[in-house]
N, C-alpha and C. Protein backbone atom coordinates (compact mmCIF):
# COMPACT_ATOMS: atom_id res chain seq x y z
N MET A 1 -1.22 -44.51 -49.60
CA MET A 1 -1.42 -44.92 -48.70
C MET A 1 -2.24 -44.20 -47.44
N VAL A 2 -2.97 -44.73 -46.52
CA VAL A 2 -3.78 -44.73 -45.73
C VAL A 2 -3.18 -44.03 -44.31
N ASP A 3 -3.38 -42.98 -43.45
CA ASP A 3 -2.99 -42.49 -42.54
C ASP A 3 -3.25 -42.95 -41.43
N ILE A 4 -3.07 -44.26 -40.44
CA ILE A 4 -3.25 -44.74 -39.97
C ILE A 4 -4.11 -44.00 -38.55
N GLN A 5 -3.62 -42.87 -38.26
CA GLN A 5 -3.82 -42.00 -37.13
C GLN A 5 -5.35 -41.62 -37.47
N LYS A 6 -5.35 -40.86 -38.94
CA LYS A 6 -6.86 -40.80 -39.05
C LYS A 6 -7.96 -41.53 -39.45
N GLU A 7 -7.33 -42.56 -39.87
CA GLU A 7 -8.62 -43.67 -39.81
C GLU A 7 -8.77 -44.04 -38.64
N LYS A 8 -8.21 -44.51 -37.84
CA LYS A 8 -8.53 -44.27 -36.07
C LYS A 8 -9.76 -43.25 -35.91
N GLN A 9 -9.45 -42.32 -35.68
CA GLN A 9 -9.92 -40.91 -35.86
C GLN A 9 -11.92 -41.08 -36.22
N LEU A 10 -11.53 -41.37 -37.58
CA LEU A 10 -13.08 -42.03 -38.37
C LEU A 10 -13.43 -42.74 -37.59
N LYS A 11 -12.86 -43.79 -37.35
CA LYS A 11 -13.78 -44.94 -36.83
C LYS A 11 -14.33 -45.19 -35.59
N ARG A 12 -13.49 -44.22 -34.83
CA ARG A 12 -14.28 -43.60 -33.44
C ARG A 12 -15.63 -42.80 -34.05
N LYS A 13 -15.43 -41.77 -34.40
CA LYS A 13 -16.10 -41.17 -34.79
C LYS A 13 -17.58 -41.83 -34.96
N ARG A 14 -17.24 -42.54 -36.03
CA ARG A 14 -18.23 -43.51 -36.90
C ARG A 14 -19.22 -44.68 -35.18
N ARG A 15 -18.16 -44.95 -34.44
CA ARG A 15 -18.94 -45.82 -33.52
C ARG A 15 -19.44 -44.65 -32.60
N GLN A 16 -19.44 -43.27 -32.25
CA GLN A 16 -19.82 -42.16 -31.50
C GLN A 16 -21.49 -41.93 -32.18
N LYS A 17 -21.24 -41.69 -33.49
CA LYS A 17 -22.40 -41.56 -33.94
C LYS A 17 -23.80 -42.69 -34.33
N ARG A 18 -22.63 -43.84 -33.69
CA ARG A 18 -23.81 -44.83 -33.50
C ARG A 18 -24.97 -45.43 -32.59
N VAL A 19 -23.91 -44.86 -31.59
CA VAL A 19 -24.18 -44.51 -30.11
C VAL A 19 -25.29 -43.64 -29.80
N ARG A 20 -25.08 -42.31 -30.24
CA ARG A 20 -25.26 -41.29 -30.00
C ARG A 20 -26.83 -41.25 -30.78
N ALA A 21 -26.97 -42.32 -31.88
CA ALA A 21 -28.07 -42.18 -32.19
C ALA A 21 -29.23 -42.44 -31.24
N LYS A 22 -28.77 -43.97 -30.41
CA LYS A 22 -29.65 -44.53 -29.35
C LYS A 22 -29.47 -43.66 -28.28
N ILE A 23 -28.85 -43.14 -27.73
CA ILE A 23 -28.63 -42.57 -26.24
C ILE A 23 -28.95 -41.15 -26.11
N SER A 24 -29.80 -40.39 -24.83
CA SER A 24 -29.73 -38.81 -25.35
C SER A 24 -30.14 -38.62 -24.03
N GLY A 25 -29.83 -37.53 -23.47
CA GLY A 25 -30.25 -36.97 -22.27
C GLY A 25 -31.16 -35.99 -22.04
N THR A 26 -31.45 -35.88 -20.95
CA THR A 26 -32.41 -35.04 -20.50
C THR A 26 -32.23 -34.93 -18.82
N ALA A 27 -33.09 -33.28 -18.47
CA ALA A 27 -32.33 -32.98 -17.48
C ALA A 27 -32.65 -33.54 -16.39
N GLU A 28 -33.81 -34.95 -16.13
CA GLU A 28 -33.66 -35.84 -15.43
C GLU A 28 -33.17 -36.62 -15.23
N LEU A 29 -32.82 -37.11 -16.54
CA LEU A 29 -31.73 -38.23 -16.77
C LEU A 29 -30.70 -38.09 -18.06
N PRO A 30 -29.48 -37.43 -17.41
CA PRO A 30 -28.68 -36.76 -18.63
C PRO A 30 -27.44 -37.52 -18.59
N ARG A 31 -27.17 -37.41 -20.19
CA ARG A 31 -26.04 -38.25 -20.29
C ARG A 31 -24.45 -37.98 -19.83
N LEU A 32 -23.74 -38.93 -19.60
CA LEU A 32 -22.42 -39.12 -18.60
C LEU A 32 -21.55 -39.27 -19.98
N ASN A 33 -21.15 -38.01 -20.48
CA ASN A 33 -19.75 -38.10 -21.75
C ASN A 33 -18.70 -38.65 -21.17
N VAL A 34 -17.89 -39.11 -21.52
CA VAL A 34 -16.52 -39.03 -21.20
C VAL A 34 -15.52 -39.21 -22.36
N TYR A 35 -14.63 -38.30 -22.57
CA TYR A 35 -13.83 -38.09 -23.72
C TYR A 35 -12.34 -38.43 -22.89
N ARG A 36 -11.18 -39.42 -23.68
CA ARG A 36 -10.20 -39.93 -23.07
C ARG A 36 -9.07 -39.37 -23.81
N SER A 37 -8.03 -38.12 -23.98
CA SER A 37 -6.97 -38.28 -24.77
C SER A 37 -5.60 -38.50 -24.14
N ASN A 38 -4.79 -38.33 -24.54
CA ASN A 38 -3.25 -38.52 -24.33
C ASN A 38 -3.13 -38.54 -22.69
N ILE A 39 -3.63 -37.12 -22.51
CA ILE A 39 -3.06 -36.54 -21.42
C ILE A 39 -4.04 -36.64 -20.58
N GLY A 40 -5.04 -36.86 -20.76
CA GLY A 40 -6.05 -36.54 -19.31
C GLY A 40 -7.56 -37.14 -20.13
N VAL A 41 -8.69 -36.94 -18.86
CA VAL A 41 -9.89 -37.55 -19.18
C VAL A 41 -11.06 -36.42 -18.71
N PHE A 42 -11.87 -36.31 -19.33
CA PHE A 42 -12.86 -35.31 -19.23
C PHE A 42 -14.29 -35.73 -19.57
N VAL A 43 -14.97 -35.32 -18.10
CA VAL A 43 -16.43 -36.23 -18.46
C VAL A 43 -16.90 -34.78 -17.86
N GLN A 44 -18.61 -34.90 -18.52
CA GLN A 44 -19.66 -34.10 -18.77
C GLN A 44 -20.88 -34.75 -18.53
N LEU A 45 -21.70 -33.85 -18.04
CA LEU A 45 -23.21 -34.61 -17.84
C LEU A 45 -23.56 -33.38 -18.53
N ILE A 46 -24.75 -34.37 -19.60
CA ILE A 46 -25.37 -32.88 -20.78
C ILE A 46 -26.83 -33.43 -21.01
N ASP A 47 -27.49 -32.29 -20.67
CA ASP A 47 -28.93 -32.42 -21.11
C ASP A 47 -29.10 -32.20 -22.86
N ASP A 48 -29.16 -32.99 -23.31
CA ASP A 48 -29.51 -32.94 -24.87
C ASP A 48 -30.94 -32.56 -25.77
N VAL A 49 -31.37 -32.01 -24.76
CA VAL A 49 -32.41 -31.61 -25.21
C VAL A 49 -32.19 -30.29 -25.54
N ASN A 50 -32.23 -29.13 -24.21
CA ASN A 50 -31.56 -28.32 -24.12
C ASN A 50 -30.39 -27.79 -24.66
N GLY A 51 -29.45 -28.64 -24.93
CA GLY A 51 -27.97 -28.08 -25.59
C GLY A 51 -27.26 -27.64 -24.49
N ARG A 52 -27.49 -28.27 -22.91
CA ARG A 52 -26.43 -27.49 -22.16
C ARG A 52 -25.57 -28.76 -21.38
N THR A 53 -24.50 -28.18 -21.10
CA THR A 53 -23.58 -29.19 -19.98
C THR A 53 -23.98 -28.90 -18.66
N LEU A 54 -24.52 -29.72 -17.88
CA LEU A 54 -24.66 -29.28 -16.61
C LEU A 54 -23.93 -29.12 -15.39
N VAL A 55 -22.58 -30.37 -15.46
CA VAL A 55 -21.92 -30.65 -15.06
C VAL A 55 -20.70 -31.03 -15.61
N SER A 56 -19.43 -30.13 -15.27
CA SER A 56 -18.38 -31.31 -15.48
C SER A 56 -16.92 -31.70 -14.56
N ALA A 57 -16.22 -32.48 -15.27
CA ALA A 57 -14.81 -32.28 -14.26
C ALA A 57 -13.61 -33.31 -15.18
N SER A 58 -12.29 -32.77 -14.54
CA SER A 58 -11.33 -33.68 -15.53
C SER A 58 -10.38 -33.69 -14.50
N ASN A 59 -9.34 -34.71 -15.34
CA ASN A 59 -7.84 -34.98 -13.83
C ASN A 59 -7.67 -33.92 -14.09
N LYS A 60 -7.65 -32.62 -14.16
CA LYS A 60 -6.94 -31.23 -13.76
C LYS A 60 -7.07 -30.66 -12.22
N GLU A 61 -8.72 -31.23 -12.55
CA GLU A 61 -9.05 -30.88 -10.84
C GLU A 61 -9.12 -31.82 -9.79
N VAL A 62 -8.64 -32.51 -10.33
CA VAL A 62 -8.53 -33.68 -9.59
C VAL A 62 -6.79 -33.84 -8.70
N LYS A 63 -6.47 -33.69 -8.06
CA LYS A 63 -5.22 -33.61 -7.26
C LYS A 63 -4.64 -34.94 -7.00
N ALA A 64 -5.17 -36.40 -7.23
CA ALA A 64 -4.58 -37.40 -7.08
C ALA A 64 -3.40 -37.72 -7.73
N LYS A 65 -2.19 -38.33 -7.15
CA LYS A 65 -1.10 -38.92 -7.97
C LYS A 65 -1.44 -40.48 -8.23
N GLY A 66 -0.77 -40.35 -8.96
CA GLY A 66 -0.56 -41.88 -9.38
C GLY A 66 -1.28 -42.20 -11.11
N THR A 67 -1.27 -43.17 -11.47
CA THR A 67 -1.19 -43.91 -12.81
C THR A 67 -2.59 -42.74 -13.30
N LYS A 68 -3.03 -42.97 -14.60
CA LYS A 68 -3.98 -42.40 -15.33
C LYS A 68 -5.14 -42.84 -14.85
N THR A 69 -4.69 -44.73 -14.63
CA THR A 69 -6.14 -45.28 -14.46
C THR A 69 -6.94 -44.46 -12.87
N GLU A 70 -5.95 -44.86 -11.74
CA GLU A 70 -5.99 -44.06 -10.48
C GLU A 70 -6.72 -42.86 -10.86
N GLN A 71 -6.44 -41.59 -11.82
CA GLN A 71 -6.91 -40.35 -11.62
C GLN A 71 -8.04 -40.34 -12.46
N SER A 72 -8.49 -41.13 -13.50
CA SER A 72 -9.45 -41.34 -14.29
C SER A 72 -10.52 -41.80 -12.41
N PHE A 73 -10.56 -42.67 -11.89
CA PHE A 73 -11.46 -43.26 -10.74
C PHE A 73 -11.60 -42.23 -10.13
N GLU A 74 -10.54 -41.21 -9.92
CA GLU A 74 -10.90 -40.02 -8.70
C GLU A 74 -11.99 -38.99 -9.77
N VAL A 75 -11.73 -39.11 -10.98
CA VAL A 75 -12.80 -38.17 -11.73
C VAL A 75 -13.69 -38.62 -11.68
N GLY A 76 -14.35 -39.79 -11.61
CA GLY A 76 -15.62 -40.61 -11.41
C GLY A 76 -16.34 -40.05 -10.17
N LYS A 77 -15.52 -40.30 -9.11
CA LYS A 77 -15.83 -39.94 -8.11
C LYS A 77 -16.43 -38.51 -8.00
N LEU A 78 -15.46 -37.52 -8.45
CA LEU A 78 -15.46 -36.29 -8.45
C LEU A 78 -17.21 -35.91 -9.47
N ILE A 79 -17.31 -36.21 -10.22
CA ILE A 79 -18.31 -36.11 -10.93
C ILE A 79 -19.75 -36.44 -10.76
N ALA A 80 -19.50 -37.45 -9.65
CA ALA A 80 -20.56 -38.07 -9.11
C ALA A 80 -20.93 -37.29 -8.02
N GLN A 81 -20.04 -36.67 -6.99
CA GLN A 81 -20.32 -35.83 -6.04
C GLN A 81 -20.64 -34.32 -6.52
N LYS A 82 -20.30 -33.99 -7.57
CA LYS A 82 -20.95 -33.11 -8.52
C LYS A 82 -22.43 -33.08 -8.81
N ALA A 83 -22.58 -34.58 -9.18
CA ALA A 83 -23.82 -34.22 -9.97
C ALA A 83 -24.62 -34.26 -8.31
N GLN A 84 -24.64 -35.17 -7.36
CA GLN A 84 -25.39 -34.97 -6.39
C GLN A 84 -26.16 -33.85 -5.69
N LYS A 85 -24.81 -32.53 -6.21
CA LYS A 85 -25.41 -31.24 -5.69
C LYS A 85 -25.76 -30.87 -6.48
N ALA A 86 -26.05 -31.17 -7.53
CA ALA A 86 -27.00 -30.71 -8.84
C ALA A 86 -28.39 -31.52 -8.93
N LYS A 87 -28.44 -32.35 -7.52
CA LYS A 87 -29.41 -33.11 -7.36
C LYS A 87 -30.14 -34.17 -8.59
N ILE A 88 -28.64 -34.85 -9.14
CA ILE A 88 -28.79 -36.26 -10.31
C ILE A 88 -28.48 -37.45 -9.79
N GLU A 89 -29.07 -37.87 -9.80
CA GLU A 89 -28.78 -39.34 -9.62
C GLU A 89 -28.75 -40.39 -10.24
N LYS A 90 -29.01 -40.33 -11.25
CA LYS A 90 -29.47 -41.33 -12.84
C LYS A 90 -28.55 -40.71 -13.52
N VAL A 91 -27.68 -41.49 -14.33
CA VAL A 91 -27.61 -40.89 -15.67
C VAL A 91 -27.36 -42.20 -17.06
N VAL A 92 -27.29 -41.61 -18.10
CA VAL A 92 -26.91 -42.82 -19.19
C VAL A 92 -25.70 -42.71 -19.37
N PHE A 93 -25.05 -43.22 -19.67
CA PHE A 93 -23.90 -43.60 -19.76
C PHE A 93 -23.06 -43.84 -21.22
N ASP A 94 -22.35 -42.78 -21.50
CA ASP A 94 -22.32 -42.73 -22.99
C ASP A 94 -20.38 -42.54 -23.06
N LYS A 95 -19.59 -44.05 -23.54
CA LYS A 95 -18.42 -43.80 -23.36
C LYS A 95 -17.74 -43.13 -24.66
N GLY A 96 -18.25 -42.40 -25.31
CA GLY A 96 -17.63 -41.79 -26.29
C GLY A 96 -17.17 -42.67 -27.28
N GLY A 97 -17.13 -43.46 -28.11
CA GLY A 97 -16.84 -44.42 -28.96
C GLY A 97 -15.32 -45.24 -28.65
N PHE A 98 -15.22 -44.99 -27.07
CA PHE A 98 -13.94 -45.63 -26.76
C PHE A 98 -14.54 -47.10 -26.12
N LYS A 99 -13.22 -48.24 -26.11
CA LYS A 99 -13.76 -49.67 -25.22
C LYS A 99 -14.10 -49.00 -24.01
N TYR A 100 -15.22 -50.07 -22.92
CA TYR A 100 -15.18 -50.11 -22.19
C TYR A 100 -14.42 -50.56 -21.25
N HIS A 101 -12.93 -50.23 -21.05
CA HIS A 101 -11.82 -50.89 -20.92
C HIS A 101 -10.88 -49.53 -20.26
N GLY A 102 -10.24 -50.13 -19.09
CA GLY A 102 -8.94 -49.09 -18.83
C GLY A 102 -9.60 -47.78 -18.04
N ARG A 103 -9.26 -46.54 -18.92
CA ARG A 103 -9.60 -45.16 -17.72
C ARG A 103 -11.06 -45.08 -18.16
N ILE A 104 -11.52 -45.36 -19.09
CA ILE A 104 -13.34 -45.06 -19.38
C ILE A 104 -14.01 -46.11 -18.32
N LYS A 105 -13.57 -47.60 -18.23
CA LYS A 105 -14.12 -48.50 -16.98
C LYS A 105 -13.77 -47.48 -15.91
N ALA A 106 -12.74 -47.04 -15.04
CA ALA A 106 -12.14 -46.48 -14.31
C ALA A 106 -13.16 -45.52 -13.93
N VAL A 107 -13.48 -44.20 -14.74
CA VAL A 107 -14.31 -43.66 -14.55
C VAL A 107 -15.67 -43.93 -13.63
N ALA A 108 -16.42 -44.94 -14.82
CA ALA A 108 -17.54 -45.01 -14.76
C ALA A 108 -17.88 -46.06 -13.07
N GLU A 109 -16.57 -47.11 -13.05
CA GLU A 109 -16.42 -47.65 -11.30
C GLU A 109 -16.68 -46.29 -10.35
N GLY A 110 -15.38 -45.43 -10.67
CA GLY A 110 -15.83 -44.26 -9.75
C GLY A 110 -16.63 -43.40 -9.26
N ALA A 111 -17.73 -43.43 -10.20
CA ALA A 111 -18.72 -42.58 -10.63
C ALA A 111 -19.80 -43.65 -9.96
N ARG A 112 -19.96 -44.84 -9.91
CA ARG A 112 -20.38 -46.11 -9.04
C ARG A 112 -20.72 -46.12 -7.77
N GLU A 113 -19.38 -45.84 -7.33
CA GLU A 113 -18.79 -46.27 -6.06
C GLU A 113 -19.11 -44.79 -5.35
N ALA A 114 -19.33 -43.76 -5.93
CA ALA A 114 -19.80 -42.38 -5.18
C ALA A 114 -21.24 -42.67 -5.43
N GLY A 115 -21.80 -43.10 -6.09
CA GLY A 115 -23.49 -43.36 -5.90
C GLY A 115 -24.35 -43.14 -6.92
N LEU A 116 -23.55 -42.88 -7.73
CA LEU A 116 -24.42 -42.29 -9.34
C LEU A 116 -24.45 -44.04 -10.11
N GLN A 117 -25.57 -43.84 -10.31
CA GLN A 117 -26.64 -44.87 -10.33
C GLN A 117 -26.62 -45.08 -12.39
N PHE A 118 -26.23 -45.73 -13.07
CA PHE A 118 -26.37 -46.28 -14.81
C PHE A 118 -27.42 -46.44 -14.89
């Protein structure tokens, strides 16, 4: 009998590797990485050339009440504001093996609304 949770994790890692083979971030055009757990959403702007995280944000920093999706939207706005302070206007979106749906989509829409370009 196969453990269903381990199978789901393996499939997500496989999708993540496939995307990372095609997407890479630089200092001028960083990769906007999104990780979704049951509890929260974590977002980073990553420079893959130098192996550095430029800017990060999570739902723990956002004091917004409401559903997880609404909090994710606010996290998207927050990462866009932090990126603009770091003089970053364009990014490459990396959904991290997750579906572009729900909280992942909310992060992207929040970042776009706050002025970040994909």
